[in-house]
Amino acid sequence: MIRRWPGSPTRTLTAGVTFAAIAVVALAIIFVPGLTRTGVAAGPTSTPAIAAGATGGTGPGSGSPGTGSSAAPAPTSSATPLPAPTPSPSPVAATIDGVWLAADQAARAVRLPLAVMIDDSAPARPQSGLAEADLIYQAPAEGGIPRYMLVFQAGDASSIGPIRSARRYFAGWASEWRALYAHVGGAPNALAYVAQANGNLLWNADEFAWGPTYLWRITERDAPHNVYTSSAKLRELATKLGGTSTFSTPAWTFGDEAPLAARPNGGTISVPYLANGVSYRYDRTTNRYARYVSNGEPQMDATTNRQVAPANVIVQFVAVGPLANAPGQPTNEKKGRLELGYIGTGRALIFRDGRVITARWSKSSDGDPTEFAYASGSLKGNPVSLVRGQIVIQVVPLDTNVTYELGTLPTPAGRLD
């Protein structure tokens, strides 16, 4: 199957964890820096053997008393055996971002994802929910203004917004997660697809159908930048719509982060959009990429007042062109709507542990995952392993000049695989 994109060469569309376990008898729960959900730094590497309970010996004076001794005779019965220790439940890894969760939080690791369209125009900033999302997509939209889609699975947010309208390519990404898709109306081709996929590849949570009970308008901001929700309300809506299935098949591979000695000092990434400039600054200590927007302002979550700082930044290069008018869609060209080549294959850059990996992305259909594999070297074709933690996917046109500067290693380090 071959698709042609305006202004770009013909592209052939191709189809495109193990979680190590750590031997523990008592599991220490550790909070991962930058996360508000309960996470543990590592999972178990083996199942501990359960030792049998100790059997008590005989009591005092167990020797035979001598002739004429006044010592009491030794008891003839053993002490009651101690019970065998109860093994601590193993942690589980969240399907989308690989973060380890305590065993009592296992349901959150596989629950139905929530995908929410988020405004990125100047009046919409600062937005709510970005710091708590497991996965963030940012991609071009009309007028040069990019748009976000936040995906929540293990993460929860008490406030998410401002919510904006659906676009066809965002709905395609939501489909690979079988997500509840929250939006406020949308482009005609997007709404047609969402109606078709509803109850199968996604669940339609349109504000025009489900507001104000599940999505509401606040008075502190002007329309259309004033629609908000919460993860709790969206989960209520998902249950109402029948979206009660779990999402337990990991799409990506995760591994342990590089040790401190193997992380570089400093490093930056710059991703330009026509109406927003996004940049990152790598922090060696936390192993996170602090995010900045607009004129270099720290991107703060409006509700938590935390700076957005993902563990992984993926730049995905796609073909972008104008969306042509079609039957029932007479305003696409007038409004400058876009079509993105999100199905197919292309180039990608993956930033993790202060390093960069040249990769190839592939996605064969709406319902299939977007996969990322090494583009060259001895690992060519193998999946790229991500760091456990928040992931941001920056979707950009093919000719976008993405620049980056890697930091310097304090000590020699081996290759990062």
Protein backbone atom coordinates (compact mmCIF):
# COMPACT_ATOMS: atom_id res chain seq x y z
CA MET A 1 0.00 0.00 0.00
CA ILE A 2 1.40 3.39 -1.02
CA ARG A 3 0.30 6.84 0.12
CA ARG A 4 1.50 10.11 -1.37
CA TRP A 5 1.79 13.26 0.72
CA PRO A 6 1.83 16.73 -0.81
CA GLY A 7 5.32 18.05 -1.21
CA SER A 8 6.97 14.83 -0.12
CA PRO A 9 8.25 11.67 -1.83
CA THR A 10 6.21 8.50 -2.05
CA ARG A 11 6.33 6.63 1.26
CA THR A 12 5.78 2.89 1.56
CA LEU A 13 3.64 1.95 4.52
CA THR A 14 4.91 -1.01 6.45
CA ALA A 15 3.85 -2.65 9.60
CA GLY A 16 5.96 -1.40 11.64
CA VAL A 17 8.58 -6.33 28.83
CA THR A 18 9.90 -8.27 30.10
CA PHE A 19 10.10 -6.83 33.41
CA ALA A 20 12.94 -7.99 35.33
CA ALA A 21 11.95 -9.15 38.78
CA ILE A 22 14.32 -8.32 42.00
CA ALA A 23 14.65 -10.97 44.78
CA VAL A 24 13.00 -9.59 47.86
CA VAL A 25 11.44 -10.92 50.98
CA ALA A 26 10.20 -7.53 52.10
CA LEU A 27 9.61 -5.02 49.27
CA ALA A 28 10.66 -1.44 49.94
CA ILE A 29 8.32 0.98 48.22
CA ILE A 30 10.22 3.88 46.69
CA PHE A 31 8.67 6.95 45.10
CA VAL A 32 10.20 7.74 41.69
CA PRO A 33 11.26 11.40 41.49
CA GLY A 34 8.80 13.52 39.54
CA LEU A 35 5.88 11.09 39.89
CA THR A 36 2.85 11.55 42.09
CA ARG A 37 1.49 8.06 41.64
CA THR A 38 2.83 5.32 43.89
CA GLY A 39 5.79 3.83 42.07
CA VAL A 40 8.71 1.67 43.04
CA ALA A 41 12.13 2.07 41.55
CA ALA A 42 12.59 -1.51 40.42
CA GLY A 43 10.71 -4.74 40.15
CA PRO A 44 11.76 -8.15 41.44
CA THR A 45 14.33 -10.21 39.55
CA SER A 46 13.45 -13.59 41.05
CA THR A 47 10.86 -15.24 43.22
CA PRO A 48 12.27 -15.64 46.74
CA ALA A 49 12.33 -19.08 48.28
CA ILE A 50 10.12 -19.34 51.34
CA ALA A 51 12.11 -20.63 54.34
CA ALA A 52 10.47 -23.16 56.59
CA GLY A 53 9.60 -21.99 60.10
CA ALA A 54 12.23 -22.62 62.79
CA THR A 55 11.67 -25.49 65.17
CA GLY A 56 12.50 -24.70 68.80
CA GLY A 57 15.00 -26.91 70.71
CA THR A 58 14.52 -28.37 74.16
CA GLY A 59 14.34 -26.10 77.14
CA PRO A 60 16.92 -25.39 79.87
CA GLY A 61 18.42 -28.41 81.68
CA SER A 62 18.09 -30.73 78.71
CA GLY A 63 21.14 -32.76 79.81
CA SER A 64 20.76 -35.79 82.06
CA PRO A 65 21.04 -34.74 85.69
CA GLY A 66 23.83 -36.43 87.75
CA THR A 67 23.22 -38.67 90.68
CA GLY A 68 21.77 -36.77 93.53
CA SER A 69 21.19 -33.72 91.31
CA SER A 70 18.27 -31.50 92.17
CA ALA A 71 17.93 -30.19 88.58
CA ALA A 72 14.48 -30.39 87.00
CA PRO A 73 14.07 -32.98 84.21
CA ALA A 74 14.23 -31.67 80.62
CA PRO A 75 10.94 -31.11 78.80
CA THR A 76 10.15 -33.81 76.29
CA SER A 77 8.15 -31.72 73.75
CA SER A 78 9.42 -29.19 71.15
CA ALA A 79 8.36 -25.55 71.04
CA THR A 80 5.56 -24.63 68.60
CA PRO A 81 7.12 -23.96 65.13
CA LEU A 82 7.08 -20.35 63.94
CA PRO A 83 4.89 -19.72 60.89
CA ALA A 84 6.62 -19.32 57.51
CA PRO A 85 7.01 -15.66 56.51
CA THR A 86 4.46 -14.35 54.01
CA PRO A 87 6.18 -13.21 50.81
CA SER A 88 5.63 -9.61 49.82
CA PRO A 89 3.57 -9.23 46.63
CA SER A 90 5.64 -8.31 43.60
CA PRO A 91 5.21 -4.89 42.01
CA VAL A 92 3.68 -4.57 38.56
CA ALA A 93 4.63 -2.32 35.65
CA ALA A 94 2.18 0.10 34.05
CA THR A 95 1.44 -0.91 30.47
CA ILE A 96 1.96 2.50 28.86
CA ASP A 97 4.94 4.08 30.65
CA GLY A 98 6.50 1.07 32.39
CA VAL A 99 6.50 2.63 35.87
CA TRP A 100 6.57 0.07 38.68
CA LEU A 101 3.50 0.18 40.92
CA ALA A 102 3.00 -1.41 44.30
CA ALA A 103 1.06 -4.67 44.21
CA ASP A 104 -2.00 -3.05 45.80
CA GLN A 105 -2.08 -0.63 42.84
CA ALA A 106 -1.96 -3.38 40.21
CA ALA A 107 -5.36 -2.47 38.76
CA ARG A 108 -4.06 0.97 37.76
CA ALA A 109 -1.25 -0.61 35.75
CA VAL A 110 -3.63 -2.12 33.18
CA ARG A 111 -6.78 -0.01 33.36
CA LEU A 112 -8.45 1.57 30.35
CA PRO A 113 -6.40 4.53 29.03
CA LEU A 114 -7.96 7.99 28.84
CA ALA A 115 -6.96 10.16 25.86
CA VAL A 116 -7.82 13.86 26.14
CA MET A 117 -7.40 16.58 23.50
CA ILE A 118 -5.74 19.69 24.97
CA ASP A 119 -5.50 23.26 23.68
CA ASP A 120 -2.08 24.83 23.11
CA SER A 121 -3.02 28.36 22.11
CA ALA A 122 -1.65 31.19 24.26
CA PRO A 123 -4.96 31.83 26.13
CA ALA A 124 -5.03 28.16 27.15
CA ARG A 125 -1.75 28.26 29.06
CA PRO A 126 -0.91 27.07 31.61
CA GLN A 127 -2.79 23.84 31.05
CA SER A 128 -3.81 21.28 33.67
CA GLY A 129 -3.01 17.57 33.64
CA LEU A 130 0.27 17.57 31.73
CA ALA A 131 2.44 16.70 34.74
CA GLU A 132 0.25 13.70 35.65
CA ALA A 133 -0.17 12.14 32.20
CA ASP A 134 1.65 8.91 31.40
CA LEU A 135 2.04 9.90 27.74
CA ILE A 136 1.84 13.23 25.90
CA TYR A 137 1.49 13.73 22.15
CA GLN A 138 2.07 17.14 20.58
CA ALA A 139 1.43 17.58 16.87
CA PRO A 140 0.71 20.37 14.37
CA ALA A 141 -2.80 21.69 13.84
CA GLU A 142 -4.25 24.49 11.74
CA GLY A 143 -2.96 28.03 12.05
CA GLY A 144 0.48 26.81 13.05
CA ILE A 145 -0.80 26.14 16.58
CA PRO A 146 0.09 22.65 17.80
CA ARG A 147 -2.27 20.61 19.90
CA TYR A 148 -1.79 18.07 22.70
CA MET A 149 -3.31 14.72 23.48
CA LEU A 150 -2.73 13.52 27.04
CA VAL A 151 -3.01 9.80 27.84
CA PHE A 152 -3.69 8.66 31.41
CA GLN A 153 -3.51 5.07 32.63
CA ALA A 154 -1.65 4.74 35.95
CA GLY A 155 -1.72 8.50 36.41
CA ASP A 156 -4.66 10.53 37.70
CA ALA A 157 -5.38 14.25 37.54
CA SER A 158 -8.00 16.22 39.45
CA SER A 159 -8.18 18.79 36.64
CA ILE A 160 -7.53 18.28 32.90
CA GLY A 161 -7.87 21.02 30.31
CA PRO A 162 -8.62 23.17 28.43
CA ILE A 163 -10.08 20.47 26.16
CA ARG A 164 -10.35 21.12 22.42
CA SER A 165 -11.72 19.44 19.32
CA ALA A 166 -10.78 16.13 17.71
CA ARG A 167 -8.46 15.67 14.76
CA ARG A 168 -8.28 12.51 12.67
CA TYR A 169 -4.62 11.70 13.39
CA PHE A 170 -5.02 12.15 17.15
CA ALA A 171 -7.99 9.78 17.06
CA GLY A 172 -5.74 7.32 15.23
CA TRP A 173 -3.20 7.44 18.05
CA ALA A 174 -5.95 7.11 20.66
CA SER A 175 -7.11 3.96 18.85
CA GLU A 176 -3.85 2.13 19.42
CA TRP A 177 -4.50 2.41 23.16
CA ARG A 178 -8.22 1.47 22.92
CA ALA A 179 -8.77 4.65 24.91
CA LEU A 180 -11.71 6.71 26.02
CA TYR A 181 -11.29 9.72 23.68
CA ALA A 182 -12.34 13.05 25.25
CA HIS A 183 -12.85 16.06 22.97
CA VAL A 184 -15.15 18.98 22.14
CA GLY A 185 -16.55 18.28 18.70
CA GLY A 186 -13.99 18.13 15.93
CA ALA A 187 -13.16 18.16 12.24
CA PRO A 188 -15.75 16.28 10.12
CA ASN A 189 -13.38 13.47 9.12
CA ALA A 190 -12.35 13.00 12.75
CA LEU A 191 -15.95 12.86 13.98
CA ALA A 192 -16.86 10.36 11.24
CA TYR A 193 -14.00 8.10 12.25
CA VAL A 194 -14.74 8.36 15.99
CA ALA A 195 -18.37 7.42 15.37
CA GLN A 196 -17.24 4.41 13.32
CA ALA A 197 -14.61 3.27 15.85
CA ASN A 198 -16.74 3.92 18.95
CA GLY A 199 -17.02 0.87 21.17
CA ASN A 200 -14.28 -0.95 19.28
CA LEU A 201 -11.00 0.94 18.92
CA LEU A 202 -12.00 3.79 21.21
CA TRP A 203 -14.82 5.21 23.31
CA ASN A 204 -16.37 8.51 22.27
CA ALA A 205 -16.44 11.12 25.06
CA ASP A 206 -17.63 14.23 23.21
CA GLU A 207 -18.44 17.24 25.41
CA PHE A 208 -21.44 17.99 23.21
CA ALA A 209 -22.95 14.66 24.30
CA TRP A 210 -21.65 14.34 27.86
CA GLY A 211 -21.28 17.85 29.25
CA PRO A 212 -21.66 19.25 31.83
CA THR A 213 -21.78 16.09 33.96
CA TYR A 214 -18.44 14.69 32.82
CA LEU A 215 -16.91 17.64 30.96
CA TRP A 216 -17.73 21.16 32.12
CA ARG A 217 -16.99 24.81 31.39
CA ILE A 218 -15.25 26.99 33.96
CA THR A 219 -15.91 30.71 34.37
CA GLU A 220 -12.28 31.72 34.91
CA ARG A 221 -11.49 31.45 31.19
CA ASP A 222 -13.27 32.48 28.02
CA ALA A 223 -14.63 30.00 25.48
CA PRO A 224 -13.37 27.99 23.69
CA HIS A 225 -10.51 27.66 26.20
CA ASN A 226 -12.66 26.71 29.19
CA VAL A 227 -13.70 23.05 28.97
CA TYR A 228 -12.28 20.86 31.73
CA THR A 229 -12.68 17.40 33.25
CA SER A 230 -10.93 15.05 35.68
CA SER A 231 -9.65 11.51 35.36
CA ALA A 232 -12.17 10.37 37.97
CA LYS A 233 -15.11 11.76 35.96
CA LEU A 234 -13.80 10.29 32.72
CA ARG A 235 -13.53 6.87 34.34
CA GLU A 236 -17.14 7.20 35.46
CA LEU A 237 -18.08 8.00 31.87
CA ALA A 238 -16.03 5.08 30.53
CA THR A 239 -17.97 2.71 32.77
CA LYS A 240 -21.26 4.25 31.62
CA LEU A 241 -20.23 3.76 27.98
CA GLY A 242 -19.14 0.16 28.54
CA GLY A 243 -15.40 0.84 28.43
CA THR A 244 -14.50 -1.46 31.29
CA SER A 245 -11.85 -3.60 29.58
CA THR A 246 -8.21 -3.49 30.60
CA PHE A 247 -5.19 -2.66 28.46
CA SER A 248 -2.52 -5.12 29.51
CA THR A 249 -0.37 -5.72 26.42
CA PRO A 250 2.70 -3.44 26.46
CA ALA A 251 3.42 -1.73 23.15
CA TRP A 252 6.93 -0.67 24.10
CA THR A 253 9.97 -2.10 25.86
CA PHE A 254 11.24 -0.60 29.11
CA GLY A 255 14.50 -0.97 30.97
CA ASP A 256 16.32 0.40 33.96
CA GLU A 257 17.70 3.92 33.67
CA ALA A 258 21.42 4.49 33.27
CA PRO A 259 23.41 4.76 36.51
CA LEU A 260 24.40 8.24 37.58
CA ALA A 261 28.02 7.76 36.47
CA ALA A 262 26.86 7.04 32.91
CA ARG A 263 24.68 10.15 32.60
CA PRO A 264 26.07 13.30 31.01
CA ASN A 265 26.16 16.76 32.51
CA GLY A 266 23.74 19.04 30.67
CA GLY A 267 22.12 18.71 27.27
CA THR A 268 19.32 20.48 25.41
CA ILE A 269 16.65 19.74 22.78
CA SER A 270 14.80 22.30 20.67
CA VAL A 271 11.59 21.44 18.77
CA PRO A 272 10.08 24.35 16.80
CA TYR A 273 6.41 24.79 15.89
CA LEU A 274 5.06 27.83 14.05
CA ALA A 275 3.14 29.11 17.08
CA ASN A 276 5.19 27.59 19.89
CA GLY A 277 8.80 26.72 20.54
CA VAL A 278 9.36 23.72 22.78
CA SER A 279 12.69 23.00 24.43
CA TYR A 280 14.10 20.64 27.03
CA ARG A 281 17.01 20.78 29.45
CA TYR A 282 18.38 17.50 30.67
CA ASP A 283 19.00 17.12 34.40
CA ARG A 284 21.58 14.47 35.26
CA THR A 285 20.51 13.98 38.87
CA THR A 286 16.82 13.29 38.21
CA ASN A 287 17.42 11.81 34.73
CA ARG A 288 14.52 13.90 33.44
CA TYR A 289 14.05 16.48 30.68
CA ALA A 290 12.65 19.73 32.10
CA ARG A 291 10.24 21.20 29.52
CA TYR A 292 10.02 24.82 28.39
CA VAL A 293 7.56 26.50 26.02
CA SER A 294 6.99 29.77 24.19
CA ASN A 295 9.84 32.14 25.05
CA GLY A 296 11.76 29.68 27.20
CA GLU A 297 9.24 29.70 30.05
CA PRO A 298 9.13 26.58 32.26
CA GLN A 299 6.01 24.60 31.42
CA MET A 300 4.17 24.36 34.72
CA ASP A 301 1.05 22.33 35.37
CA ALA A 302 -1.63 24.84 36.42
CA THR A 303 -3.12 22.52 39.05
CA THR A 304 -0.06 20.89 40.63
CA ASN A 305 2.39 23.75 39.93
CA ARG A 306 4.93 21.12 38.90
CA GLN A 307 7.14 21.53 35.86
CA VAL A 308 6.56 19.00 33.11
CA ALA A 309 9.69 16.81 33.01
CA PRO A 310 9.42 13.54 31.06
CA ALA A 311 11.83 10.62 31.27
CA ASN A 312 11.73 10.12 27.48
CA VAL A 313 11.40 12.56 24.59
CA ILE A 314 10.60 11.07 21.17
CA VAL A 315 10.66 13.22 18.02
CA GLN A 316 8.59 11.59 15.27
CA PHE A 317 8.96 13.00 11.75
CA VAL A 318 5.83 12.62 9.56
CA ALA A 319 4.52 13.92 6.25
CA VAL A 320 2.20 16.91 6.73
CA GLY A 321 -0.06 18.49 4.13
CA PRO A 322 -3.38 20.35 3.79
CA LEU A 323 -6.56 18.36 4.30
CA ALA A 324 -8.58 18.57 1.09
CA ASN A 325 -12.29 19.25 1.03
CA ALA A 326 -14.49 16.17 0.74
CA PRO A 327 -18.23 15.39 0.69
CA GLY A 328 -19.62 16.73 3.92
CA GLN A 329 -16.33 18.50 4.63
CA PRO A 330 -16.47 21.77 2.66
CA THR A 331 -14.49 23.87 5.12
CA ASN A 332 -11.25 21.88 5.48
CA GLU A 333 -9.25 24.07 3.10
CA LYS A 334 -10.79 27.33 4.33
CA LYS A 335 -9.91 26.50 7.93
CA GLY A 336 -6.47 25.21 7.05
CA ARG A 337 -6.93 21.75 8.51
CA LEU A 338 -4.08 19.31 8.13
CA GLU A 339 -3.50 15.71 7.19
CA LEU A 340 -0.61 13.88 8.87
CA GLY A 341 1.08 10.68 7.71
CA TYR A 342 0.82 8.93 11.04
CA ILE A 343 0.41 5.51 9.39
CA GLY A 344 3.47 4.19 7.60
CA THR A 345 7.10 4.45 8.60
CA GLY A 346 9.61 7.22 9.09
CA ARG A 347 12.49 8.69 11.03
CA ALA A 348 12.57 9.28 14.77
CA LEU A 349 14.94 10.55 17.45
CA ILE A 350 14.67 9.10 20.94
CA PHE A 351 16.19 10.96 23.88
CA ARG A 352 16.72 9.05 27.14
CA ASP A 353 19.41 9.01 29.84
CA GLY A 354 20.89 12.18 28.32
CA ARG A 355 21.66 10.33 25.09
CA VAL A 356 20.07 10.24 21.64
CA ILE A 357 19.13 7.16 19.60
CA THR A 358 18.41 7.31 15.88
CA ALA A 359 15.31 5.23 15.27
CA ARG A 360 12.58 4.32 12.80
CA TRP A 361 8.90 4.46 13.67
CA SER A 362 6.23 2.29 12.09
CA LYS A 363 2.46 1.97 12.38
CA SER A 364 0.43 -0.21 10.02
CA SER A 365 -3.14 0.76 10.94
CA ASP A 366 -5.20 2.78 13.41
CA GLY A 367 -5.51 -0.14 15.78
CA ASP A 368 -1.83 -1.12 15.67
CA PRO A 369 0.82 0.41 17.95
CA THR A 370 3.40 2.90 16.80
CA GLU A 371 6.67 1.01 17.21
CA PHE A 372 10.16 2.45 17.54
CA ALA A 373 13.21 0.42 16.47
CA TYR A 374 16.95 1.09 16.12
CA ALA A 375 17.68 2.51 12.68
CA SER A 376 21.26 1.25 12.39
CA GLY A 377 24.07 -0.60 14.09
CA SER A 378 24.12 -4.06 15.61
CA LEU A 379 20.67 -3.51 17.11
CA LYS A 380 19.04 -2.39 13.86
CA GLY A 381 15.40 -3.43 13.76
CA ASN A 382 15.21 -4.21 17.49
CA PRO A 383 12.83 -2.22 19.71
CA VAL A 384 14.34 0.78 21.48
CA SER A 385 14.11 0.38 25.24
CA LEU A 386 12.63 3.39 27.04
CA VAL A 387 13.19 4.63 30.59
CA ARG A 388 10.32 3.95 32.96
CA GLY A 389 8.43 7.21 33.33
CA GLN A 390 6.52 9.85 31.40
CA ILE A 391 6.91 9.87 27.62
CA VAL A 392 6.46 12.89 25.32
CA ILE A 393 6.10 12.32 21.56
CA GLN A 394 6.82 15.44 19.54
CA VAL A 395 5.27 14.92 16.10
CA VAL A 396 6.79 17.28 13.53
CA PRO A 397 6.81 17.76 9.73
CA LEU A 398 9.54 16.00 7.77
CA ASP A 399 11.57 19.16 7.17
CA THR A 400 11.52 20.41 10.79
CA ASN A 401 14.92 21.54 12.03
CA VAL A 402 15.10 19.81 15.39
CA THR A 403 18.35 20.68 17.14
CA TYR A 404 19.98 19.19 20.20
CA GLU A 405 23.20 19.32 22.15
CA LEU A 406 24.32 16.40 24.24
CA GLY A 407 26.06 16.89 27.55
CA THR A 408 29.50 15.61 28.46
CA LEU A 409 30.12 12.49 30.49
CA PRO A 410 31.92 12.99 33.79
CA THR A 411 33.56 9.56 33.39
CA PRO A 412 33.96 7.18 30.43
CA ALA A 413 30.84 5.15 29.84
CA GLY A 414 29.97 2.27 27.59
CA ARG A 415 27.43 2.17 24.83
CA LEU A 416 23.80 2.65 25.84
CA ASP A 417 21.64 -0.14 24.43
